[in-house]
C-alpha atoms as a PDB file:
ATOM      1  CA  MET A   1       7.348  20.247   3.592  1.00  0.00           C
ATOM      2  CA  PHE A   2       6.329  16.999   1.856  1.00  0.00           C
ATOM      3  CA  LYS A   3       7.523  16.278  -1.672  1.00  0.00           C
ATOM      4  CA  LYS A   4       6.931  12.516  -1.869  1.00  0.00           C
ATOM      5  CA  ILE A   5       4.116  10.713  -0.100  1.00  0.00           C
ATOM      6  CA  LEU A   6       3.814   6.930  -0.143  1.00  0.00           C
ATOM      7  CA  VAL A   7       0.436   5.271   0.341  1.00  0.00           C
ATOM      8  CA  ALA A   8       0.489   1.527   0.945  1.00  0.00           C
ATOM      9  CA  THR A   9      -2.685  -0.166  -0.244  1.00  0.00           C
ATOM     10  CA  ASP A  10      -4.381  -3.519  -0.002  1.00  0.00           C
ATOM     11  CA  ALA A  11      -7.583  -2.147  -1.606  1.00  0.00           C
ATOM     12  CA  SER A  12      -9.402  -2.015   1.723  1.00  0.00           C
ATOM     13  CA  GLU A  13     -11.582   0.936   2.651  1.00  0.00           C
ATOM     14  CA  TYR A  14      -8.858   1.915   5.141  1.00  0.00           C
ATOM     15  CA  SER A  15      -6.368   2.157   2.277  1.00  0.00           C
ATOM     16  CA  ARG A  16      -8.805   4.241   0.253  1.00  0.00           C
ATOM     17  CA  GLN A  17      -9.163   6.669   3.168  1.00  0.00           C
ATOM     18  CA  ALA A  18      -5.365   6.876   3.407  1.00  0.00           C
ATOM     19  CA  LEU A  19      -5.177   7.711  -0.306  1.00  0.00           C
ATOM     20  CA  ILE A  20      -7.839  10.412  -0.023  1.00  0.00           C
ATOM     21  CA  PHE A  21      -5.929  12.006   2.845  1.00  0.00           C
ATOM     22  CA  ALA A  22      -2.636  11.746   0.930  1.00  0.00           C
ATOM     23  CA  LEU A  23      -4.155  13.443  -2.109  1.00  0.00           C
ATOM     24  CA  GLU A  24      -5.381  16.338   0.023  1.00  0.00           C
ATOM     25  CA  LEU A  25      -1.886  16.806   1.467  1.00  0.00           C
ATOM     26  CA  ALA A  26      -0.288  16.428  -1.953  1.00  0.00           C
ATOM     27  CA  ARG A  27      -2.442  19.231  -3.329  1.00  0.00           C
ATOM     28  CA  LYS A  28      -1.494  21.508  -0.424  1.00  0.00           C
ATOM     29  CA  PHE A  29       2.244  20.829  -0.699  1.00  0.00           C
ATOM     30  CA  SER A  30       2.511  20.166  -4.463  1.00  0.00           C
ATOM     31  CA  ALA A  31       3.762  16.700  -3.620  1.00  0.00           C
ATOM     32  CA  GLU A  32       3.704  13.526  -5.650  1.00  0.00           C
ATOM     33  CA  VAL A  33       1.934  10.419  -4.381  1.00  0.00           C
ATOM     34  CA  GLU A  34       3.188   6.876  -4.803  1.00  0.00           C
ATOM     35  CA  LEU A  35       0.464   4.259  -4.476  1.00  0.00           C
ATOM     36  CA  LEU A  36       2.131   0.965  -3.560  1.00  0.00           C
ATOM     37  CA  PHE A  37       0.676  -2.535  -3.548  1.00  0.00           C
ATOM     38  CA  VAL A  38       2.997  -5.231  -2.210  1.00  0.00           C
ATOM     39  CA  LEU A  39       2.673  -8.697  -3.722  1.00  0.00           C
ATOM     40  CA  HIS A  40       3.554 -11.135  -0.988  1.00  0.00           C
ATOM     41  CA  LEU A  41       4.899 -14.389  -2.509  1.00  0.00           C
ATOM     42  CA  PRO A  42       4.544 -17.270  -2.174  1.00  0.00           C
ATOM     43  CA  ILE A  43       0.949 -17.475  -1.113  1.00  0.00           C
ATOM     44  CA  VAL A  44      -0.279 -20.977  -0.443  1.00  0.00           C
ATOM     45  CA  TYR A  45      -3.860 -21.828   0.407  1.00  0.00           C
ATOM     46  CA  TYR A  46      -4.624 -25.041   2.257  1.00  0.00           C
ATOM     47  CA  SER A  47      -7.861 -26.863   2.705  1.00  0.00           C
ATOM     48  CA  THR A  48      -8.565 -30.282   4.143  1.00  0.00           C
ATOM     49  CA  VAL A  49      -8.532 -31.744   0.624  1.00  0.00           C
ATOM     50  CA  PHE A  50      -5.773 -29.912  -1.266  1.00  0.00           C
ATOM     51  CA  SER A  51      -3.345 -26.995  -1.344  1.00  0.00           C
ATOM     52  CA  TYR A  52      -2.279 -24.795  -4.241  1.00  0.00           C
ATOM     53  CA  LEU A  53       0.103 -21.986  -5.003  1.00  0.00           C
ATOM     54  CA  ILE A  54      -1.148 -18.817  -6.660  1.00  0.00           C
ATOM     55  CA  SER A  55       0.914 -18.067  -9.756  1.00  0.00           C
ATOM     56  CA  PRO A  56       2.867 -14.804 -10.147  1.00  0.00           C
ATOM     57  CA  GLU A  57       0.603 -13.950 -13.103  1.00  0.00           C
ATOM     58  CA  GLN A  58      -2.488 -14.281 -10.920  1.00  0.00           C
ATOM     59  CA  ILE A  59      -0.925 -12.143  -8.211  1.00  0.00           C
ATOM     60  CA  GLU A  60       0.109  -9.532 -10.806  1.00  0.00           C
ATOM     61  CA  LYS A  61      -3.490  -9.416 -11.968  1.00  0.00           C
ATOM     62  CA  GLU A  62      -4.690  -9.126  -8.376  1.00  0.00           C
ATOM     63  CA  GLY A  63      -2.226  -6.255  -7.871  1.00  0.00           C
ATOM     64  CA  GLU A  64      -3.721  -4.395 -10.825  1.00  0.00           C
ATOM     65  CA  LEU A  65      -7.205  -5.031  -9.468  1.00  0.00           C
ATOM     66  CA  ALA A  66      -6.153  -3.800  -6.012  1.00  0.00           C
ATOM     67  CA  LEU A  67      -4.745  -0.560  -7.446  1.00  0.00           C
ATOM     68  CA  GLU A  68      -7.869  -0.035  -9.558  1.00  0.00           C
ATOM     69  CA  ALA A  69     -10.147  -0.762  -6.585  1.00  0.00           C
ATOM     70  CA  THR A  70      -8.225   1.684  -4.408  1.00  0.00           C
ATOM     71  CA  LEU A  71      -8.506   4.422  -7.038  1.00  0.00           C
ATOM     72  CA  GLN A  72     -12.121   3.789  -8.015  1.00  0.00           C
ATOM     73  CA  GLY A  73     -14.156   6.979  -7.726  1.00  0.00           C
ATOM     74  CA  ILE A  74     -11.308   9.017  -6.214  1.00  0.00           C
ATOM     75  CA  ASP A  75     -10.284  12.259  -7.911  1.00  0.00           C
ATOM     76  CA  THR A  76      -6.536  12.213  -8.535  1.00  0.00           C
ATOM     77  CA  SER A  77      -6.494  15.331 -10.711  1.00  0.00           C
ATOM     78  CA  ASP A  78      -3.755  17.883 -10.125  1.00  0.00           C
ATOM     79  CA  VAL A  79      -1.579  15.294  -8.369  1.00  0.00           C
ATOM     80  CA  THR A  80       1.284  13.311  -9.835  1.00  0.00           C
ATOM     81  CA  LEU A  81       0.365   9.722  -9.024  1.00  0.00           C
ATOM     82  CA  ILE A  82       2.800   6.846  -9.424  1.00  0.00           C
ATOM     83  CA  LYS A  83       1.421   3.314  -9.158  1.00  0.00           C
ATOM     84  CA  LYS A  84       3.749   0.487  -8.162  1.00  0.00           C
ATOM     85  CA  LYS A  85       3.460  -3.223  -7.510  1.00  0.00           C
ATOM     86  CA  ILE A  86       6.435  -4.842  -5.818  1.00  0.00           C
ATOM     87  CA  GLN A  87       6.857  -8.416  -4.628  1.00  0.00           C
ATOM     88  CA  GLY A  88       8.055  -9.120  -1.116  1.00  0.00           C
ATOM     89  CA  LYS A  89       7.131  -8.830   2.529  1.00  0.00           C
ATOM     90  CA  PRO A  90       4.932  -5.737   2.899  1.00  0.00           C
ATOM     91  CA  ALA A  91       6.711  -3.982   5.779  1.00  0.00           C
ATOM     92  CA  GLU A  92      10.170  -4.650   4.328  1.00  0.00           C
ATOM     93  CA  VAL A  93       9.167  -3.449   0.860  1.00  0.00           C
ATOM     94  CA  ILE A  94       7.594  -0.278   2.238  1.00  0.00           C
ATOM     95  CA  LEU A  95      10.678   0.528   4.327  1.00  0.00           C
ATOM     96  CA  LYS A  96      12.985  -0.113   1.370  1.00  0.00           C
ATOM     97  CA  GLU A  97      10.822   2.103  -0.835  1.00  0.00           C
ATOM     98  CA  VAL A  98      11.046   4.881   1.776  1.00  0.00           C
ATOM     99  CA  GLU A  99      14.833   4.724   1.584  1.00  0.00           C
ATOM    100  CA  ASN A 100      15.204   4.262  -2.186  1.00  0.00           C
ATOM    101  CA  GLU A 101      12.666   6.872  -3.257  1.00  0.00           C
ATOM    102  CA  ASN A 102      13.383   9.515  -0.582  1.00  0.00           C
ATOM    103  CA  ILE A 103       9.837   9.363   0.736  1.00  0.00           C
ATOM    104  CA  ASP A 104       8.937  12.180   3.145  1.00  0.00           C
ATOM    105  CA  LEU A 105       5.706  10.698   4.501  1.00  0.00           C
ATOM    106  CA  VAL A 106       4.075   7.277   4.572  1.00  0.00           C
ATOM    107  CA  ILE A 107       0.305   7.188   4.930  1.00  0.00           C
ATOM    108  CA  MET A 108      -1.368   3.890   5.747  1.00  0.00           C
ATOM    109  CA  GLY A 109      -4.757   2.683   6.834  1.00  0.00           C
ATOM    110  CA  ASN A 110      -5.327   1.650  10.416  1.00  0.00           C
ATOM    111  CA  HIS A 111      -6.283  -1.866   9.348  1.00  0.00           C
ATOM    112  CA  GLY A 112      -6.390  -3.797   6.162  1.00  0.00           C
ATOM    113  CA  TYR A 113      -7.052  -7.211   4.848  1.00  0.00           C
ATOM    114  CA  GLY A 114      -4.344  -9.081   3.073  1.00  0.00           C
ATOM    115  CA  ALA A 115      -4.535 -12.032   0.776  1.00  0.00           C
ATOM    116  CA  THR A 116      -5.516 -14.370   3.604  1.00  0.00           C
ATOM    117  CA  ALA A 117      -8.489 -12.145   4.555  1.00  0.00           C
ATOM    118  CA  GLY A 118      -7.048 -11.527   7.992  1.00  0.00           C
ATOM    119  CA  PRO A 119      -5.815  -8.328   9.591  1.00  0.00           C
ATOM    120  CA  LEU A 120      -2.482  -7.772   7.847  1.00  0.00           C
ATOM    121  CA  LEU A 121      -1.978  -4.066   7.388  1.00  0.00           C
ATOM    122  CA  GLY A 122      -2.422  -3.421  11.111  1.00  0.00           C
ATOM    123  CA  SER A 123       0.765  -5.328  11.919  1.00  0.00           C
ATOM    124  CA  VAL A 124       2.502  -3.934   8.822  1.00  0.00           C
ATOM    125  CA  SER A 125       1.605  -0.358   9.739  1.00  0.00           C
ATOM    126  CA  GLN A 126       2.886  -0.906  13.264  1.00  0.00           C
ATOM    127  CA  HIS A 127       6.216  -2.225  11.947  1.00  0.00           C
ATOM    128  CA  VAL A 128       6.575   0.652   9.470  1.00  0.00           C
ATOM    129  CA  LEU A 129       5.636   3.171  12.149  1.00  0.00           C
ATOM    130  CA  HIS A 130       8.507   2.008  14.357  1.00  0.00           C
ATOM    131  CA  LYS A 131      11.175   1.480  11.685  1.00  0.00           C
ATOM    132  CA  ALA A 132      10.634   4.183   9.036  1.00  0.00           C
ATOM    133  CA  LYS A 133      13.114   7.036   8.835  1.00  0.00           C
ATOM    134  CA  CYS A 134      10.358   9.446   7.822  1.00  0.00           C
ATOM    135  CA  SER A 135       7.032  10.471   9.276  1.00  0.00           C
ATOM    136  CA  VAL A 136       4.247   7.899   9.226  1.00  0.00           C
ATOM    137  CA  LEU A 137       0.579   8.791   9.373  1.00  0.00           C
ATOM    138  CA  ILE A 138      -2.008   6.154  10.244  1.00  0.00           C
ATOM    139  CA  VAL A 139      -5.480   7.032   8.966  1.00  0.00           C
ATOM    140  CA  LYS A 140      -8.648   5.648  10.538  1.00  0.00           C
END
């Protein structure tokens, strides 16, 4: 039924729950899981005194840390797991990945916290839910 499952992560606990659920399904259906972290550039932080741009190298490092944090303590044995970091707008990247990789199911957390520490994945998951050409599962 499912051969390719995409899990979008921002390293939140919601994303970790989505990954755990995806792994359970992958084991049942002998599916592969793609764990995707989207690097949203440019990211500019402002304060009353100064602003600065986070470098692509820093964001790449943060992407690695996000993937590691999502996977920490989770058993991925017996499942083919592909880790990806892609730059772009999260919802657009996820939808493009669905098309390009023939994804059968997207699993996302109900909420997440993006780089600005605000609710990001909630709006992303809603956009993906309405636009994806495959099934989308939102995990709480």
